Amino acid sequence: MNNFRKITFGLLMIAMAITGSAQNKTFEKIGELPEAQYAYISESMLSSMGSMVNQTQLMASAIDNLKSVEILTCEVADSFDRIRKMLEPCTTDLQLLSKLRDGGENIEIYGKRNGDKLSSLLLIKVKDTPEVLSAIFMTGDIDPDSLRSVSRTSN
């Protein structure tokens, strides 16, 4: 009986580790569409990128605290509505934090709060000219102030 508990506990720990580091299956599925481009960046790749960043310390610390980043883009306007519908499951556990419309750009930012930080962040941007849909999904220990500083340095 004791061995059974150890085996069960071990399997549970493995399952939790796999689940915790799994990619967003919705993003991965959308990335299989011929008109979409998809990239997944793991925590280990992000941590090595953090040391290569030639920017401010805040930017490097923002990268170091991420567990994963997934990026999805599409330049076929006829597919935007279908992809937006496919992205809906990603927003079910997230709260709409901001919705912006500026000229030809529509941006929606969703997040999952964890105290004063975020554990997940989803940014969906649709641009009219040139026609591009971009979605970025980040997980980790996300500090909103660090993200603001990153966006300021990248503008």
C-alpha atoms as a PDB file:
ATOM      1  CA  MET A   1       0.000   0.000   0.000  1.00  0.00           C
ATOM      2  CA  ASN A   2       2.850   2.372   0.795  1.00  0.00           C
ATOM      3  CA  ASN A   3       4.407   1.786  -2.653  1.00  0.00           C
ATOM      4  CA  PHE A   4       1.048   2.532  -4.271  1.00  0.00           C
ATOM      5  CA  ARG A   5       0.940   5.906  -2.505  1.00  0.00           C
ATOM      6  CA  LYS A   6       4.491   6.719  -3.594  1.00  0.00           C
ATOM      7  CA  ILE A   7       3.732   5.785  -7.193  1.00  0.00           C
ATOM      8  CA  THR A   8       0.469   7.750  -7.166  1.00  0.00           C
ATOM      9  CA  PHE A   9       2.184  10.765  -5.620  1.00  0.00           C
ATOM     10  CA  GLY A  10       5.010  10.551  -8.175  1.00  0.00           C
ATOM     11  CA  LEU A  11       2.566  10.370 -11.080  1.00  0.00           C
ATOM     12  CA  LEU A  12       0.619  13.301  -9.659  1.00  0.00           C
ATOM     13  CA  MET A  13       3.797  15.390  -9.393  1.00  0.00           C
ATOM     14  CA  ILE A  14       4.780  14.532 -12.972  1.00  0.00           C
ATOM     15  CA  ALA A  15       1.293  15.411 -14.226  1.00  0.00           C
ATOM     16  CA  MET A  16       1.391  18.750 -12.386  1.00  0.00           C
ATOM     17  CA  ALA A  17       4.815  19.559 -13.826  1.00  0.00           C
ATOM     18  CA  ILE A  18       3.692  18.714 -17.346  1.00  0.00           C
ATOM     19  CA  THR A  19       0.449  20.665 -16.982  1.00  0.00           C
ATOM     20  CA  GLY A  20       2.219  23.670 -15.480  1.00  0.00           C
ATOM     21  CA  SER A  21       4.668  23.969 -18.339  1.00  0.00           C
ATOM     22  CA  ALA A  22       2.298  23.039 -21.149  1.00  0.00           C
ATOM     23  CA  GLN A  23       1.792  25.406 -24.001  1.00  0.00           C
ATOM     24  CA  ASN A  24      -1.548  27.039 -24.616  1.00  0.00           C
ATOM     25  CA  LYS A  25      -3.235  24.403 -26.794  1.00  0.00           C
ATOM     26  CA  THR A  26      -5.529  27.009 -28.371  1.00  0.00           C
ATOM     27  CA  PHE A  27      -2.561  29.043 -29.619  1.00  0.00           C
ATOM     28  CA  GLU A  28      -0.869  25.893 -30.849  1.00  0.00           C
ATOM     29  CA  LYS A  29      -4.027  24.832 -32.730  1.00  0.00           C
ATOM     30  CA  ILE A  30      -4.435  28.267 -34.355  1.00  0.00           C
ATOM     31  CA  GLY A  31      -0.743  28.153 -35.283  1.00  0.00           C
ATOM     32  CA  GLU A  32      -1.449  25.074 -37.389  1.00  0.00           C
ATOM     33  CA  LEU A  33      -3.618  27.143 -39.741  1.00  0.00           C
ATOM     34  CA  PRO A  34      -1.741  27.823 -43.004  1.00  0.00           C
ATOM     35  CA  GLU A  35      -2.353  31.577 -42.750  1.00  0.00           C
ATOM     36  CA  ALA A  36      -1.055  31.872 -39.162  1.00  0.00           C
ATOM     37  CA  GLN A  37       2.462  32.085 -37.739  1.00  0.00           C
ATOM     38  CA  TYR A  38       3.144  30.763 -34.235  1.00  0.00           C
ATOM     39  CA  ALA A  39       6.080  30.881 -31.832  1.00  0.00           C
ATOM     40  CA  TYR A  40       6.488  29.403 -28.355  1.00  0.00           C
ATOM     41  CA  ILE A  41       9.305  30.582 -26.084  1.00  0.00           C
ATOM     42  CA  SER A  42       9.991  28.461 -23.003  1.00  0.00           C
ATOM     43  CA  GLU A  43      11.140  29.617 -19.574  1.00  0.00           C
ATOM     44  CA  SER A  44      14.694  28.372 -20.165  1.00  0.00           C
ATOM     45  CA  MET A  45      14.937  30.258 -23.464  1.00  0.00           C
ATOM     46  CA  LEU A  46      13.486  33.382 -21.833  1.00  0.00           C
ATOM     47  CA  SER A  47      16.000  33.243 -18.982  1.00  0.00           C
ATOM     48  CA  SER A  48      18.877  33.063 -21.451  1.00  0.00           C
ATOM     49  CA  MET A  49      17.331  35.949 -23.407  1.00  0.00           C
ATOM     50  CA  GLY A  50      17.151  38.014 -20.213  1.00  0.00           C
ATOM     51  CA  SER A  51      20.929  37.931 -19.895  1.00  0.00           C
ATOM     52  CA  MET A  52      21.348  38.930 -23.556  1.00  0.00           C
ATOM     53  CA  VAL A  53      19.029  41.932 -23.372  1.00  0.00           C
ATOM     54  CA  ASN A  54      20.970  45.126 -24.007  1.00  0.00           C
ATOM     55  CA  GLN A  55      18.321  47.348 -22.444  1.00  0.00           C
ATOM     56  CA  THR A  56      17.416  48.490 -18.963  1.00  0.00           C
ATOM     57  CA  GLN A  57      17.580  46.241 -15.910  1.00  0.00           C
ATOM     58  CA  LEU A  58      13.775  46.505 -15.627  1.00  0.00           C
ATOM     59  CA  MET A  59      13.387  44.947 -19.067  1.00  0.00           C
ATOM     60  CA  ALA A  60      15.697  42.058 -18.172  1.00  0.00           C
ATOM     61  CA  SER A  61      13.847  41.441 -14.893  1.00  0.00           C
ATOM     62  CA  ALA A  62      10.505  41.447 -16.729  1.00  0.00           C
ATOM     63  CA  ILE A  63      11.804  38.702 -19.017  1.00  0.00           C
ATOM     64  CA  ASP A  64      13.361  36.693 -16.170  1.00  0.00           C
ATOM     65  CA  ASN A  65      10.034  36.437 -14.337  1.00  0.00           C
ATOM     66  CA  LEU A  66       8.181  34.931 -17.302  1.00  0.00           C
ATOM     67  CA  LYS A  67       7.490  31.205 -17.592  1.00  0.00           C
ATOM     68  CA  SER A  68       6.419  31.234 -21.235  1.00  0.00           C
ATOM     69  CA  VAL A  69       5.537  33.511 -24.116  1.00  0.00           C
ATOM     70  CA  GLU A  70       3.459  32.512 -27.115  1.00  0.00           C
ATOM     71  CA  ILE A  71       3.091  34.721 -30.168  1.00  0.00           C
ATOM     72  CA  LEU A  72       0.538  34.321 -32.906  1.00  0.00           C
ATOM     73  CA  THR A  73       0.206  36.454 -36.045  1.00  0.00           C
ATOM     74  CA  CYS A  74      -1.982  36.410 -39.131  1.00  0.00           C
ATOM     75  CA  GLU A  75      -1.921  38.744 -42.140  1.00  0.00           C
ATOM     76  CA  VAL A  76      -4.992  37.313 -43.902  1.00  0.00           C
ATOM     77  CA  ALA A  77      -7.881  39.626 -42.974  1.00  0.00           C
ATOM     78  CA  ASP A  78     -10.512  37.075 -44.046  1.00  0.00           C
ATOM     79  CA  SER A  79      -9.304  34.808 -41.214  1.00  0.00           C
ATOM     80  CA  PHE A  80      -9.410  37.414 -38.415  1.00  0.00           C
ATOM     81  CA  ASP A  81     -12.992  36.652 -37.309  1.00  0.00           C
ATOM     82  CA  ARG A  82     -12.345  32.901 -37.242  1.00  0.00           C
ATOM     83  CA  ILE A  83      -9.128  33.332 -35.249  1.00  0.00           C
ATOM     84  CA  ARG A  84     -10.836  35.739 -32.809  1.00  0.00           C
ATOM     85  CA  LYS A  85     -13.504  33.082 -32.169  1.00  0.00           C
ATOM     86  CA  MET A  86     -10.796  30.454 -31.699  1.00  0.00           C
ATOM     87  CA  LEU A  87      -9.083  32.743 -29.136  1.00  0.00           C
ATOM     88  CA  GLU A  88     -12.235  33.041 -26.980  1.00  0.00           C
ATOM     89  CA  PRO A  89     -11.373  30.003 -24.779  1.00  0.00           C
ATOM     90  CA  CYS A  90      -8.136  31.778 -23.818  1.00  0.00           C
ATOM     91  CA  THR A  91     -10.116  34.648 -22.289  1.00  0.00           C
ATOM     92  CA  THR A  92     -12.541  32.600 -20.150  1.00  0.00           C
ATOM     93  CA  ASP A  93     -10.262  32.514 -17.073  1.00  0.00           C
ATOM     94  CA  LEU A  94      -8.970  36.038 -17.646  1.00  0.00           C
ATOM     95  CA  GLN A  95     -10.370  39.459 -16.819  1.00  0.00           C
ATOM     96  CA  LEU A  96     -10.571  42.187 -19.455  1.00  0.00           C
ATOM     97  CA  LEU A  97      -8.097  44.802 -18.199  1.00  0.00           C
ATOM     98  CA  SER A  98      -8.110  47.262 -21.069  1.00  0.00           C
ATOM     99  CA  LYS A  99      -9.687  47.837 -24.451  1.00  0.00           C
ATOM    100  CA  LEU A 100      -8.219  50.491 -26.731  1.00  0.00           C
ATOM    101  CA  ARG A 101      -9.067  51.803 -30.163  1.00  0.00           C
ATOM    102  CA  ASP A 102      -6.596  54.201 -31.704  1.00  0.00           C
ATOM    103  CA  GLY A 103      -6.929  55.005 -35.363  1.00  0.00           C
ATOM    104  CA  GLY A 104      -6.629  51.711 -37.177  1.00  0.00           C
ATOM    105  CA  GLU A 105      -5.577  49.668 -34.140  1.00  0.00           C
ATOM    106  CA  ASN A 106      -7.799  47.713 -31.763  1.00  0.00           C
ATOM    107  CA  ILE A 107      -6.118  46.312 -28.672  1.00  0.00           C
ATOM    108  CA  GLU A 108      -7.575  44.139 -25.919  1.00  0.00           C
ATOM    109  CA  ILE A 109      -5.577  43.211 -22.831  1.00  0.00           C
ATOM    110  CA  TYR A 110      -6.704  40.385 -20.555  1.00  0.00           C
ATOM    111  CA  GLY A 111      -5.047  39.243 -17.353  1.00  0.00           C
ATOM    112  CA  LYS A 112      -5.294  36.942 -14.378  1.00  0.00           C
ATOM    113  CA  ARG A 113      -4.431  38.687 -11.125  1.00  0.00           C
ATOM    114  CA  ASN A 114      -2.189  37.141  -8.508  1.00  0.00           C
ATOM    115  CA  GLY A 115      -1.991  39.715  -5.737  1.00  0.00           C
ATOM    116  CA  ASP A 116      -0.513  42.922  -7.151  1.00  0.00           C
ATOM    117  CA  LYS A 117       0.944  41.035 -10.115  1.00  0.00           C
ATOM    118  CA  LEU A 118      -0.448  38.986 -12.976  1.00  0.00           C
ATOM    119  CA  SER A 119       0.034  35.259 -13.528  1.00  0.00           C
ATOM    120  CA  SER A 120      -1.228  35.396 -17.136  1.00  0.00           C
ATOM    121  CA  LEU A 121      -1.505  38.151 -19.702  1.00  0.00           C
ATOM    122  CA  LEU A 122      -3.130  38.011 -23.132  1.00  0.00           C
ATOM    123  CA  LEU A 123      -2.782  40.872 -25.593  1.00  0.00           C
ATOM    124  CA  ILE A 124      -4.811  40.797 -28.815  1.00  0.00           C
ATOM    125  CA  LYS A 125      -4.102  43.481 -31.411  1.00  0.00           C
ATOM    126  CA  VAL A 126      -5.827  43.955 -34.761  1.00  0.00           C
ATOM    127  CA  LYS A 127      -4.307  46.534 -37.087  1.00  0.00           C
ATOM    128  CA  ASP A 128      -6.097  47.845 -40.187  1.00  0.00           C
ATOM    129  CA  THR A 129      -3.131  49.016 -42.278  1.00  0.00           C
ATOM    130  CA  PRO A 130      -1.322  46.775 -42.947  1.00  0.00           C
ATOM    131  CA  GLU A 131      -3.901  44.178 -41.944  1.00  0.00           C
ATOM    132  CA  VAL A 132      -2.374  42.150 -39.109  1.00  0.00           C
ATOM    133  CA  LEU A 133      -3.820  40.259 -36.164  1.00  0.00           C
ATOM    134  CA  SER A 134      -1.336  39.623 -33.348  1.00  0.00           C
ATOM    135  CA  ALA A 135      -1.872  37.805 -30.079  1.00  0.00           C
ATOM    136  CA  ILE A 136       0.669  37.403 -27.284  1.00  0.00           C
ATOM    137  CA  PHE A 137       0.062  35.110 -24.304  1.00  0.00           C
ATOM    138  CA  MET A 138       2.467  35.339 -21.350  1.00  0.00           C
ATOM    139  CA  THR A 139       2.576  33.348 -18.130  1.00  0.00           C
ATOM    140  CA  GLY A 140       4.728  33.845 -15.066  1.00  0.00           C
ATOM    141  CA  ASP A 141       5.153  36.423 -12.349  1.00  0.00           C
ATOM    142  CA  ILE A 142       4.229  39.481 -14.392  1.00  0.00           C
ATOM    143  CA  ASP A 143       4.769  42.906 -12.855  1.00  0.00           C
ATOM    144  CA  PRO A 144       2.611  45.537 -14.626  1.00  0.00           C
ATOM    145  CA  ASP A 145       5.194  48.273 -13.919  1.00  0.00           C
ATOM    146  CA  SER A 146       7.941  46.256 -15.615  1.00  0.00           C
ATOM    147  CA  LEU A 147       5.700  45.719 -18.629  1.00  0.00           C
ATOM    148  CA  ARG A 148       5.020  49.450 -18.866  1.00  0.00           C
ATOM    149  CA  SER A 149       8.741  50.163 -18.855  1.00  0.00           C
ATOM    150  CA  VAL A 150       9.326  47.522 -21.540  1.00  0.00           C
ATOM    151  CA  SER A 151       6.624  49.014 -23.759  1.00  0.00           C
ATOM    152  CA  ARG A 152       8.088  52.510 -23.298  1.00  0.00           C
ATOM    153  CA  THR A 153      11.592  51.378 -24.278  1.00  0.00           C
ATOM    154  CA  SER A 154      10.314  49.473 -27.312  1.00  0.00           C
ATOM    155  CA  ASN A 155       8.244  52.397 -28.701  1.00  0.00           C
END
